[in-house]
Every structure is written in C-alpha cells, then in structure tokens.
C-alpha atoms as a PDB file:
ATOM      1  CA  MET A   1       5.938  29.205  19.924  1.00  0.00           C
ATOM      2  CA  LYS A   2       4.804  30.910  23.118  1.00  0.00           C
ATOM      3  CA  ASN A   3       1.591  28.875  23.069  1.00  0.00           C
ATOM      4  CA  PRO A   4      -0.017  26.241  20.806  1.00  0.00           C
ATOM      5  CA  VAL A   5      -2.591  28.545  19.146  1.00  0.00           C
ATOM      6  CA  MET A   6      -1.826  29.545  15.572  1.00  0.00           C
ATOM      7  CA  ALA A   7      -3.711  31.805  13.179  1.00  0.00           C
ATOM      8  CA  ALA A   8      -4.719  29.676  10.189  1.00  0.00           C
ATOM      9  CA  SER A   9      -3.772  30.538   6.624  1.00  0.00           C
ATOM     10  CA  GLY A  10      -6.281  32.529   4.613  1.00  0.00           C
ATOM     11  CA  THR A  11      -8.196  33.782   7.640  1.00  0.00           C
ATOM     12  CA  PHE A  12      -5.647  36.143   9.176  1.00  0.00           C
ATOM     13  CA  GLY A  13      -4.288  37.811   6.058  1.00  0.00           C
ATOM     14  CA  PHE A  14      -0.564  38.314   6.478  1.00  0.00           C
ATOM     15  CA  GLY A  15      -1.074  39.085  10.166  1.00  0.00           C
ATOM     16  CA  LEU A  16      -0.507  42.805   9.799  1.00  0.00           C
ATOM     17  CA  GLU A  17      -4.193  43.325   8.977  1.00  0.00           C
ATOM     18  CA  TYR A  18      -5.080  42.176  12.513  1.00  0.00           C
ATOM     19  CA  SER A  19      -2.517  44.288  14.359  1.00  0.00           C
ATOM     20  CA  ASP A  20      -5.161  46.872  15.362  1.00  0.00           C
ATOM     21  CA  PHE A  21      -7.119  44.163  17.192  1.00  0.00           C
ATOM     22  CA  VAL A  22      -4.516  41.673  18.394  1.00  0.00           C
ATOM     23  CA  ASN A  23      -1.072  41.909  19.950  1.00  0.00           C
ATOM     24  CA  LEU A  24       0.669  39.762  17.359  1.00  0.00           C
ATOM     25  CA  ASN A  25       3.439  38.954  19.834  1.00  0.00           C
ATOM     26  CA  GLU A  26       0.911  36.922  21.854  1.00  0.00           C
ATOM     27  CA  VAL A  27      -0.059  34.641  18.957  1.00  0.00           C
ATOM     28  CA  GLY A  28       1.557  31.191  18.905  1.00  0.00           C
ATOM     29  CA  ALA A  29       2.374  31.552  15.200  1.00  0.00           C
ATOM     30  CA  ILE A  30       0.972  33.258  12.126  1.00  0.00           C
ATOM     31  CA  VAL A  31       0.389  31.126   9.056  1.00  0.00           C
ATOM     32  CA  VAL A  32       0.186  33.731   6.334  1.00  0.00           C
ATOM     33  CA  LYS A  33      -2.204  33.849   3.405  1.00  0.00           C
ATOM     34  CA  GLY A  34      -1.605  31.229   0.712  1.00  0.00           C
ATOM     35  CA  THR A  35       1.335  32.359  -1.408  1.00  0.00           C
ATOM     36  CA  THR A  36       2.054  31.509  -5.043  1.00  0.00           C
ATOM     37  CA  LEU A  37       4.966  32.105  -7.413  1.00  0.00           C
ATOM     38  CA  LYS A  38       3.177  34.859  -9.313  1.00  0.00           C
ATOM     39  CA  PRO A  39       0.547  37.367  -8.118  1.00  0.00           C
ATOM     40  CA  ARG A  40      -3.028  36.087  -8.386  1.00  0.00           C
ATOM     41  CA  SER A  41      -6.244  38.099  -8.523  1.00  0.00           C
ATOM     42  CA  GLY A  42      -8.406  35.203  -7.389  1.00  0.00           C
ATOM     43  CA  ASN A  43     -11.789  33.985  -8.579  1.00  0.00           C
ATOM     44  CA  VAL A  44     -14.396  36.245 -10.134  1.00  0.00           C
ATOM     45  CA  GLY A  45     -17.902  36.717  -8.746  1.00  0.00           C
ATOM     46  CA  ARG A  46     -19.017  36.170  -5.179  1.00  0.00           C
ATOM     47  CA  ARG A  47     -16.306  34.429  -3.177  1.00  0.00           C
ATOM     48  CA  ILE A  48     -17.746  33.998   0.337  1.00  0.00           C
ATOM     49  CA  ALA A  49     -21.142  32.768   1.496  1.00  0.00           C
ATOM     50  CA  GLU A  50     -22.405  32.200   5.024  1.00  0.00           C
ATOM     51  CA  THR A  51     -23.986  28.799   5.616  1.00  0.00           C
ATOM     52  CA  PRO A  52     -25.668  27.217   8.642  1.00  0.00           C
ATOM     53  CA  ALA A  53     -22.917  26.881  11.289  1.00  0.00           C
ATOM     54  CA  GLY A  54     -20.176  27.828   8.854  1.00  0.00           C
ATOM     55  CA  MET A  55     -19.093  29.527   5.664  1.00  0.00           C
ATOM     56  CA  LEU A  56     -18.097  28.695   2.114  1.00  0.00           C
ATOM     57  CA  ASN A  57     -15.157  30.380   0.458  1.00  0.00           C
ATOM     58  CA  SER A  58     -13.836  30.329  -3.074  1.00  0.00           C
ATOM     59  CA  ILE A  59     -11.209  33.061  -2.952  1.00  0.00           C
ATOM     60  CA  GLY A  60      -8.955  31.512  -5.558  1.00  0.00           C
ATOM     61  CA  LEU A  61      -5.667  32.166  -3.763  1.00  0.00           C
ATOM     62  CA  GLU A  62      -5.644  35.924  -4.274  1.00  0.00           C
ATOM     63  CA  ASN A  63      -2.188  37.109  -3.172  1.00  0.00           C
ATOM     64  CA  PRO A  64       0.627  39.433  -4.307  1.00  0.00           C
ATOM     65  CA  GLY A  65       3.061  36.602  -5.095  1.00  0.00           C
ATOM     66  CA  VAL A  66       6.117  35.342  -3.241  1.00  0.00           C
ATOM     67  CA  ASP A  67       8.533  38.057  -4.394  1.00  0.00           C
ATOM     68  CA  ASN A  68       6.224  40.828  -3.196  1.00  0.00           C
ATOM     69  CA  PHE A  69       5.739  38.982   0.088  1.00  0.00           C
ATOM     70  CA  LEU A  70       9.481  38.753   0.681  1.00  0.00           C
ATOM     71  CA  ARG A  71      10.131  42.359  -0.329  1.00  0.00           C
ATOM     72  CA  ASP A  72       7.189  44.234   1.185  1.00  0.00           C
ATOM     73  CA  ILE A  73       5.494  42.123   3.863  1.00  0.00           C
ATOM     74  CA  LEU A  74       8.071  39.941   5.594  1.00  0.00           C
ATOM     75  CA  PRO A  75      10.192  42.945   6.731  1.00  0.00           C
ATOM     76  CA  GLU A  76       7.137  44.357   8.529  1.00  0.00           C
ATOM     77  CA  LEU A  77       6.370  41.017  10.164  1.00  0.00           C
ATOM     78  CA  ALA A  78       9.988  40.893  11.360  1.00  0.00           C
ATOM     79  CA  CYS A  79       9.133  43.706  13.773  1.00  0.00           C
ATOM     80  CA  TYR A  80       7.084  41.228  15.810  1.00  0.00           C
ATOM     81  CA  GLU A  81       8.287  38.363  17.985  1.00  0.00           C
ATOM     82  CA  VAL A  82       6.020  35.756  16.447  1.00  0.00           C
ATOM     83  CA  PRO A  83       6.961  32.775  14.268  1.00  0.00           C
ATOM     84  CA  VAL A  84       5.891  33.273  10.651  1.00  0.00           C
ATOM     85  CA  ILE A  85       4.887  30.210   8.665  1.00  0.00           C
ATOM     86  CA  VAL A  86       4.256  30.598   4.934  1.00  0.00           C
ATOM     87  CA  ASN A  87       1.491  28.573   3.299  1.00  0.00           C
ATOM     88  CA  ILE A  88       2.419  27.811  -0.308  1.00  0.00           C
ATOM     89  CA  SER A  89       0.427  26.648  -3.333  1.00  0.00           C
ATOM     90  CA  GLY A  90       1.652  25.512  -6.721  1.00  0.00           C
ATOM     91  CA  ASN A  91       0.218  24.375 -10.034  1.00  0.00           C
ATOM     92  CA  THR A  92       2.981  21.811 -10.481  1.00  0.00           C
ATOM     93  CA  VAL A  93       5.383  19.879  -8.266  1.00  0.00           C
ATOM     94  CA  GLU A  94       8.202  22.033  -9.611  1.00  0.00           C
ATOM     95  CA  GLU A  95       6.457  25.239  -8.561  1.00  0.00           C
ATOM     96  CA  TYR A  96       6.356  24.014  -4.958  1.00  0.00           C
ATOM     97  CA  GLY A  97      10.109  23.486  -5.129  1.00  0.00           C
ATOM     98  CA  GLU A  98      10.695  26.970  -6.521  1.00  0.00           C
ATOM     99  CA  LEU A  99       8.608  28.503  -3.760  1.00  0.00           C
ATOM    100  CA  ALA A 100      10.469  26.551  -1.095  1.00  0.00           C
ATOM    101  CA  ALA A 101      13.809  27.741  -2.444  1.00  0.00           C
ATOM    102  CA  LYS A 102      12.715  31.378  -2.393  1.00  0.00           C
ATOM    103  CA  LEU A 103      11.335  31.042   1.147  1.00  0.00           C
ATOM    104  CA  ASN A 104      14.391  29.328   2.653  1.00  0.00           C
ATOM    105  CA  HIS A 105      14.847  32.554   4.567  1.00  0.00           C
ATOM    106  CA  SER A 106      15.982  33.336   8.111  1.00  0.00           C
ATOM    107  CA  GLY A 107      12.858  35.367   8.857  1.00  0.00           C
ATOM    108  CA  ILE A 108      10.566  32.416   8.209  1.00  0.00           C
ATOM    109  CA  ALA A 109       9.890  29.714  10.804  1.00  0.00           C
ATOM    110  CA  GLY A 110       8.388  27.076   8.525  1.00  0.00           C
ATOM    111  CA  ILE A 111       6.495  26.235   5.358  1.00  0.00           C
ATOM    112  CA  GLU A 112       2.976  24.830   5.187  1.00  0.00           C
ATOM    113  CA  LEU A 113       2.088  22.954   2.010  1.00  0.00           C
ATOM    114  CA  ASN A 114      -1.397  23.543   0.653  1.00  0.00           C
ATOM    115  CA  ILE A 115      -1.856  20.358  -1.367  1.00  0.00           C
ATOM    116  CA  SER A 116      -5.556  20.968  -1.981  1.00  0.00           C
ATOM    117  CA  CYS A 117      -4.572  22.783  -5.194  1.00  0.00           C
ATOM    118  CA  PRO A 118      -5.226  21.329  -8.658  1.00  0.00           C
ATOM    119  CA  ASN A 119      -2.275  19.665 -10.365  1.00  0.00           C
ATOM    120  CA  VAL A 120      -2.364  21.131 -13.850  1.00  0.00           C
ATOM    121  CA  LYS A 121      -0.165  18.343 -15.236  1.00  0.00           C
ATOM    122  CA  GLU A 122      -2.617  15.701 -14.011  1.00  0.00           C
ATOM    123  CA  GLY A 123      -5.800  17.171 -15.431  1.00  0.00           C
ATOM    124  CA  GLY A 124      -6.683  19.326 -12.428  1.00  0.00           C
ATOM    125  CA  ILE A 125      -6.802  16.568  -9.804  1.00  0.00           C
ATOM    126  CA  ALA A 126      -5.889  18.010  -6.407  1.00  0.00           C
ATOM    127  CA  PHE A 127      -2.424  17.040  -5.133  1.00  0.00           C
ATOM    128  CA  GLY A 128      -3.973  16.241  -1.767  1.00  0.00           C
ATOM    129  CA  THR A 129      -6.360  13.599  -3.068  1.00  0.00           C
ATOM    130  CA  ASN A 130      -3.628  11.414  -4.562  1.00  0.00           C
ATOM    131  CA  CYS A 131      -0.904   9.854  -2.409  1.00  0.00           C
ATOM    132  CA  ASP A 132       1.709   9.817  -5.169  1.00  0.00           C
ATOM    133  CA  SER A 133       1.165  13.512  -5.958  1.00  0.00           C
ATOM    134  CA  ALA A 134       1.261  14.505  -2.283  1.00  0.00           C
ATOM    135  CA  VAL A 135       4.479  12.552  -1.756  1.00  0.00           C
ATOM    136  CA  ALA A 136       6.054  14.154  -4.816  1.00  0.00           C
ATOM    137  CA  VAL A 137       5.303  17.650  -3.466  1.00  0.00           C
ATOM    138  CA  VAL A 138       6.792  16.926  -0.042  1.00  0.00           C
ATOM    139  CA  ARG A 139       9.943  15.402  -1.503  1.00  0.00           C
ATOM    140  CA  GLU A 140      10.409  18.294  -3.919  1.00  0.00           C
ATOM    141  CA  VAL A 141      10.020  20.918  -1.197  1.00  0.00           C
ATOM    142  CA  LYS A 142      12.427  19.101   1.136  1.00  0.00           C
ATOM    143  CA  LYS A 143      15.119  19.357  -1.552  1.00  0.00           C
ATOM    144  CA  TYR A 144      15.058  23.145  -1.405  1.00  0.00           C
ATOM    145  CA  THR A 145      14.562  24.120   2.225  1.00  0.00           C
ATOM    146  CA  ASP A 146      16.057  23.538   5.650  1.00  0.00           C
ATOM    147  CA  LEU A 147      12.892  24.848   7.304  1.00  0.00           C
ATOM    148  CA  PRO A 148      10.308  22.632   8.989  1.00  0.00           C
ATOM    149  CA  VAL A 149       7.714  21.480   6.458  1.00  0.00           C
ATOM    150  CA  ILE A 150       4.070  21.082   7.492  1.00  0.00           C
ATOM    151  CA  THR A 151       1.745  19.280   5.096  1.00  0.00           C
ATOM    152  CA  LYS A 152      -1.875  20.450   5.234  1.00  0.00           C
ATOM    153  CA  LEU A 153      -4.175  17.543   4.449  1.00  0.00           C
ATOM    154  CA  SER A 154      -7.430  17.721   2.546  1.00  0.00           C
ATOM    155  CA  PRO A 155     -10.426  15.945   4.113  1.00  0.00           C
ATOM    156  CA  ASN A 156     -11.796  15.200   0.640  1.00  0.00           C
ATOM    157  CA  VAL A 157     -10.204  11.750   0.546  1.00  0.00           C
ATOM    158  CA  THR A 158     -11.301   8.183   1.242  1.00  0.00           C
ATOM    159  CA  ASP A 159      -8.484   7.348   3.682  1.00  0.00           C
ATOM    160  CA  ILE A 160      -6.966  10.268   5.601  1.00  0.00           C
ATOM    161  CA  VAL A 161      -4.585   7.980   7.512  1.00  0.00           C
ATOM    162  CA  ALA A 162      -3.047   6.584   4.333  1.00  0.00           C
ATOM    163  CA  MET A 163      -2.414  10.129   3.135  1.00  0.00           C
ATOM    164  CA  ALA A 164      -0.862  11.132   6.468  1.00  0.00           C
ATOM    165  CA  LEU A 165       1.432   8.108   6.542  1.00  0.00           C
ATOM    166  CA  ALA A 166       2.514   8.796   2.962  1.00  0.00           C
ATOM    167  CA  VAL A 167       3.541  12.419   3.551  1.00  0.00           C
ATOM    168  CA  GLU A 168       5.226  11.476   6.830  1.00  0.00           C
ATOM    169  CA  ALA A 169       7.305   8.845   5.029  1.00  0.00           C
ATOM    170  CA  ALA A 170       8.156  11.432   2.369  1.00  0.00           C
ATOM    171  CA  GLY A 171       9.729  13.672   5.017  1.00  0.00           C
ATOM    172  CA  SER A 172       6.994  15.997   6.279  1.00  0.00           C
ATOM    173  CA  ASP A 173       8.039  17.352   9.675  1.00  0.00           C
ATOM    174  CA  ALA A 174       4.459  17.896  10.842  1.00  0.00           C
ATOM    175  CA  ILE A 175       0.925  17.473   9.553  1.00  0.00           C
ATOM    176  CA  SER A 176      -1.934  19.978   9.761  1.00  0.00           C
ATOM    177  CA  LEU A 177      -5.573  19.039   9.210  1.00  0.00           C
ATOM    178  CA  ILE A 178      -8.191  19.540   8.121  1.00  0.00           C
ATOM    179  CA  ASN A 179      -8.405  21.858   5.160  1.00  0.00           C
ATOM    180  CA  THR A 180     -11.925  22.783   4.050  1.00  0.00           C
ATOM    181  CA  LEU A 181     -14.570  20.311   2.916  1.00  0.00           C
ATOM    182  CA  LEU A 182     -15.898  20.776  -0.605  1.00  0.00           C
ATOM    183  CA  GLY A 183     -19.413  22.249  -0.653  1.00  0.00           C
ATOM    184  CA  MET A 184     -21.802  24.545  -2.457  1.00  0.00           C
ATOM    185  CA  ALA A 185     -24.757  26.866  -1.907  1.00  0.00           C
ATOM    186  CA  VAL A 186     -27.725  27.578  -4.186  1.00  0.00           C
ATOM    187  CA  ASP A 187     -29.902  30.690  -4.587  1.00  0.00           C
ATOM    188  CA  LEU A 188     -33.444  29.367  -4.977  1.00  0.00           C
ATOM    189  CA  ARG A 189     -34.795  32.621  -6.450  1.00  0.00           C
ATOM    190  CA  THR A 190     -32.199  33.061  -9.171  1.00  0.00           C
ATOM    191  CA  ARG A 191     -31.735  29.297  -9.561  1.00  0.00           C
ATOM    192  CA  ARG A 192     -28.015  29.863  -9.681  1.00  0.00           C
ATOM    193  CA  PRO A 193     -25.049  28.901  -7.475  1.00  0.00           C
ATOM    194  CA  VAL A 194     -24.299  31.485  -4.785  1.00  0.00           C
ATOM    195  CA  LEU A 195     -20.548  31.331  -5.409  1.00  0.00           C
ATOM    196  CA  GLY A 196     -19.091  32.535  -8.677  1.00  0.00           C
ATOM    197  CA  ASN A 197     -16.958  29.392  -8.803  1.00  0.00           C
ATOM    198  CA  VAL A 198     -20.031  27.193  -8.047  1.00  0.00           C
ATOM    199  CA  VAL A 199     -18.245  25.177  -5.344  1.00  0.00           C
ATOM    200  CA  GLY A 200     -16.071  26.274  -2.442  1.00  0.00           C
ATOM    201  CA  GLY A 201     -14.474  25.214   0.810  1.00  0.00           C
ATOM    202  CA  LEU A 202     -16.735  24.698   3.830  1.00  0.00           C
ATOM    203  CA  SER A 203     -15.309  25.747   7.200  1.00  0.00           C
ATOM    204  CA  GLY A 204     -16.576  26.712  10.645  1.00  0.00           C
ATOM    205  CA  PRO A 205     -18.384  24.792  13.417  1.00  0.00           C
ATOM    206  CA  ALA A 206     -20.199  22.581  10.882  1.00  0.00           C
ATOM    207  CA  VAL A 207     -16.967  20.734  10.060  1.00  0.00           C
ATOM    208  CA  LYS A 208     -15.680  20.286  13.621  1.00  0.00           C
ATOM    209  CA  PRO A 209     -16.946  16.714  14.188  1.00  0.00           C
ATOM    210  CA  VAL A 210     -15.308  15.587  10.941  1.00  0.00           C
ATOM    211  CA  ALA A 211     -12.098  17.415  11.813  1.00  0.00           C
ATOM    212  CA  LEU A 212     -11.932  15.942  15.309  1.00  0.00           C
ATOM    213  CA  ARG A 213     -12.383  12.441  13.929  1.00  0.00           C
ATOM    214  CA  MET A 214      -9.673  12.867  11.327  1.00  0.00           C
ATOM    215  CA  VAL A 215      -7.193  14.443  13.762  1.00  0.00           C
ATOM    216  CA  TRP A 216      -7.811  11.576  16.188  1.00  0.00           C
ATOM    217  CA  GLN A 217      -7.211   8.988  13.453  1.00  0.00           C
ATOM    218  CA  VAL A 218      -4.039  10.631  12.160  1.00  0.00           C
ATOM    219  CA  ALA A 219      -2.513  11.445  15.548  1.00  0.00           C
ATOM    220  CA  ARG A 220      -2.744   7.769  16.546  1.00  0.00           C
ATOM    221  CA  SER A 221      -1.014   6.685  13.349  1.00  0.00           C
ATOM    222  CA  VAL A 222       1.920   9.042  12.792  1.00  0.00           C
ATOM    223  CA  LYS A 223       4.976   9.952  14.839  1.00  0.00           C
ATOM    224  CA  VAL A 224       5.327  13.571  13.683  1.00  0.00           C
ATOM    225  CA  PRO A 225       3.395  16.376  15.437  1.00  0.00           C
ATOM    226  CA  VAL A 226      -0.183  16.983  14.355  1.00  0.00           C
ATOM    227  CA  ILE A 227      -1.759  20.446  14.186  1.00  0.00           C
ATOM    228  CA  GLY A 228      -5.547  20.368  14.439  1.00  0.00           C
ATOM    229  CA  MET A 229      -8.065  22.736  12.907  1.00  0.00           C
ATOM    230  CA  GLY A 230     -11.638  22.822  11.707  1.00  0.00           C
ATOM    231  CA  GLY A 231     -14.406  24.736  13.445  1.00  0.00           C
ATOM    232  CA  ILE A 232     -12.417  25.935  16.453  1.00  0.00           C
ATOM    233  CA  MET A 233     -14.393  28.849  17.895  1.00  0.00           C
ATOM    234  CA  THR A 234     -13.642  28.618  21.631  1.00  0.00           C
ATOM    235  CA  ALA A 235     -10.955  27.477  24.046  1.00  0.00           C
ATOM    236  CA  GLU A 236     -13.044  24.359  24.694  1.00  0.00           C
ATOM    237  CA  ASP A 237     -12.961  23.494  20.999  1.00  0.00           C
ATOM    238  CA  ALA A 238      -9.189  23.911  20.894  1.00  0.00           C
ATOM    239  CA  LEU A 239      -8.716  21.757  23.986  1.00  0.00           C
ATOM    240  CA  GLU A 240     -10.800  18.981  22.435  1.00  0.00           C
ATOM    241  CA  PHE A 241      -8.436  18.877  19.467  1.00  0.00           C
ATOM    242  CA  MET A 242      -5.462  18.567  21.803  1.00  0.00           C
ATOM    243  CA  LEU A 243      -7.208  15.833  23.756  1.00  0.00           C
ATOM    244  CA  VAL A 244      -7.595  13.751  20.579  1.00  0.00           C
ATOM    245  CA  GLY A 245      -3.912  14.173  19.755  1.00  0.00           C
ATOM    246  CA  ALA A 246      -3.111  17.605  18.314  1.00  0.00           C
ATOM    247  CA  SER A 247       0.061  19.200  19.701  1.00  0.00           C
ATOM    248  CA  ALA A 248      -1.111  22.608  18.468  1.00  0.00           C
ATOM    249  CA  VAL A 249      -4.197  24.110  16.838  1.00  0.00           C
ATOM    250  CA  MET A 250      -5.037  26.638  14.152  1.00  0.00           C
ATOM    251  CA  VAL A 251      -7.934  29.075  14.382  1.00  0.00           C
ATOM    252  CA  GLY A 252      -9.550  30.035  11.094  1.00  0.00           C
ATOM    253  CA  THR A 253     -13.173  31.009  10.480  1.00  0.00           C
ATOM    254  CA  ALA A 254     -13.525  32.364  14.035  1.00  0.00           C
ATOM    255  CA  ASN A 255     -11.297  35.281  12.999  1.00  0.00           C
ATOM    256  CA  PHE A 256     -13.999  36.512  10.623  1.00  0.00           C
ATOM    257  CA  ILE A 257     -16.586  36.568  13.397  1.00  0.00           C
ATOM    258  CA  ASP A 258     -14.375  38.074  16.098  1.00  0.00           C
ATOM    259  CA  PRO A 259     -10.923  39.423  15.177  1.00  0.00           C
ATOM    260  CA  LYS A 260      -9.869  38.874  18.800  1.00  0.00           C
ATOM    261  CA  SER A 261     -10.664  35.145  18.718  1.00  0.00           C
ATOM    262  CA  VAL A 262      -7.055  33.947  18.905  1.00  0.00           C
ATOM    263  CA  PRO A 263      -6.104  35.806  22.125  1.00  0.00           C
ATOM    264  CA  SER A 264      -9.484  34.899  23.624  1.00  0.00           C
ATOM    265  CA  ILE A 265      -8.888  31.210  22.939  1.00  0.00           C
ATOM    266  CA  ILE A 266      -5.348  31.427  24.324  1.00  0.00           C
ATOM    267  CA  GLY A 267      -6.675  33.001  27.532  1.00  0.00           C
ATOM    268  CA  GLY A 268      -9.349  30.347  27.923  1.00  0.00           C
ATOM    269  CA  MET A 269      -6.809  27.567  27.506  1.00  0.00           C
ATOM    270  CA  GLN A 270      -4.540  29.128  30.106  1.00  0.00           C
ATOM    271  CA  ASP A 271      -7.477  29.266  32.508  1.00  0.00           C
ATOM    272  CA  TYR A 272      -8.123  25.571  31.893  1.00  0.00           C
ATOM    273  CA  VAL A 273      -4.513  24.723  32.815  1.00  0.00           C
ATOM    274  CA  LYS A 274      -4.952  26.513  36.145  1.00  0.00           C
ATOM    275  CA  GLU A 275      -8.366  25.004  36.848  1.00  0.00           C
ATOM    276  CA  GLN A 276      -7.167  21.475  36.127  1.00  0.00           C
ATOM    277  CA  LYS A 277      -3.845  22.055  37.929  1.00  0.00           C
ATOM    278  CA  LEU A 278      -1.869  20.895  34.897  1.00  0.00           C
ATOM    279  CA  GLY A 279       1.837  21.454  34.360  1.00  0.00           C
ATOM    280  CA  ASN A 280       1.118  22.711  30.835  1.00  0.00           C
ATOM    281  CA  LEU A 281      -1.236  22.110  27.941  1.00  0.00           C
ATOM    282  CA  GLN A 282       0.884  19.291  26.542  1.00  0.00           C
ATOM    283  CA  ASP A 283      -0.264  17.193  29.502  1.00  0.00           C
ATOM    284  CA  ILE A 284      -3.608  16.577  27.776  1.00  0.00           C
ATOM    285  CA  VAL A 285      -2.328  15.875  24.253  1.00  0.00           C
ATOM    286  CA  GLY A 286      -3.652  12.511  23.079  1.00  0.00           C
ATOM    287  CA  ARG A 287      -5.168  11.677  26.465  1.00  0.00           C
ATOM    288  CA  LEU A 288      -8.622  10.848  25.128  1.00  0.00           C
ATOM    289  CA  GLN A 289      -9.915   7.669  26.782  1.00  0.00           C
ATOM    290  CA  THR A 290     -12.124   5.378  24.714  1.00  0.00           C
ATOM    291  CA  GLU A 291     -14.002   2.314  25.914  1.00  0.00           C
ATOM    292  CA  ASN A 292     -11.423   0.008  24.398  1.00  0.00           C
ATOM    293  CA  GLU A 293      -8.486   1.632  26.166  1.00  0.00           C
END
C-alpha cells in the first residue's frame, strides 16, 4: 500500500465507479463490494436512509457474484496500480471456503471476511456474533487461500476483544473493525419502518466514538495489524484511529457525501506528518497516552 487509507467495502463499489472522481492509483487499497458465490439482487424496498450524523443501509449484498467479478471486473481493476481486496460473504462456512478458493488469484491482494452475515445452518444467527462460528469461517478460508485474510468484526457483540482474540488464534492475518451497528428508522406519518427490511446498518459520524473505543480495545489485545473504520470523514478522524492503534484505516460513508473523500483524507494526513515532523504515519500508531500510562 502506498498509504494507509483504504476505500471500505460497500461504499466504493468495485472502485471503477469512482474512477471519474479519484485517481485510483493514489488509494491505499480498494476493498470491493461484498461478493457472494451467486449473483444477488439485494433487499426489496427502500435500502438507504439518512439519519442524524449518519446513515442506515440495508442493501442486502447486491452483487453480480464471484464468477462475474473475476471475469468482468478484476481485469479492469488490473489496469490500476492499487491493491484489490475482496470482501466475501457466505450463508454457510463451506461457502466462505468456496469463495476463498475461487479468489486465490494473483490479481487479488487479500480477502476480507464479512462475518456479519446470517448463518443459515444456525437459524440465521450472524457468524460475527458467535466466537465458534467466526473461528470456523476463518479456519475454513485459510484452508483454501494463500492470500492475507482480514476478518471484519461486528460491533453487535458483548465482548469485542474476545471475538478479536478468537479470530486471531484461528489464523486471521489482520482484523478490521467496526462493521455497522444495527439500527432502524421510523416514518411517523405512515407509521411504518423507513427501510424495506425494517432494520439496517448504521454508519457515519454517529458511530465514531464506539468505533474508536473498540479499535483501542482490540489493538491493545492482539498482535496482528488492526484496520480501523467507523465514521471517518476527515484526516483528523483517520489520525485518531491510528493514534488508538490502527495501522491503517478504511473510509466508508464519507464516499457518499464526497466522492473525493479518500484522496482528501490522504492529503490531510500527509500534511500532518510534515507539520508534526514525523518520519511517517506509523510513528503515531498506538501512541495514545492515558492517565494510567
């Protein structure tokens, strides 16, 4: 990576959609839209709703499927000098393994595991809210790929550190967090949910304090690199995540507000390095000072 700023999955399409606004070669890495074994049309009804200081989404993993991605999209991304990380989602542990095998490809820099998906064999409980299920996914994926595996943690758990330690022990090469918080919006006039799926994932500035806290907790507990995300809108936000222990960051919801957010944040972080006379950005990783330290 040329820099530690990555475009987060689901907010940057497959990267190509942003090429009119952003020089993709300047992005640290592109984490492409969540990819599944088969094409998915996504949820019906309204799928995005703006909320105070954030947004709710319930897209439902709309995507063309892994085979279409490999055939039609990856060759176009290969024209750019930017690492491509594929975010994958499965309905079963076995599906994650199948996806990993298909994506064990020279044009791909890594795989990010979306474990916030429902496990159909366990009654719809999300993989990411159960340590045993999360561990099973990581171990299955590691059987079928030589690529770095990043596990994306859900914040909708009681103990985020226990989850992080579990996936690290299972072989995850890095950990990204946080995925969206579960939320909902209501239309008072129609007396109905705003989203067609009733509930959705909350992202944006509203979740940043929760994300910072969780990244800080996890980064102090694991030995693998941590990638921080959750409400990063500015260079200052990104730097805060690095200060609490993130080695890199992902920018998500900001891309909907300003398609040039990623290069803007990169530029602001570079300015900070000069202003503070740092050797590089890694000099501030995990350097948060608390009263007890």
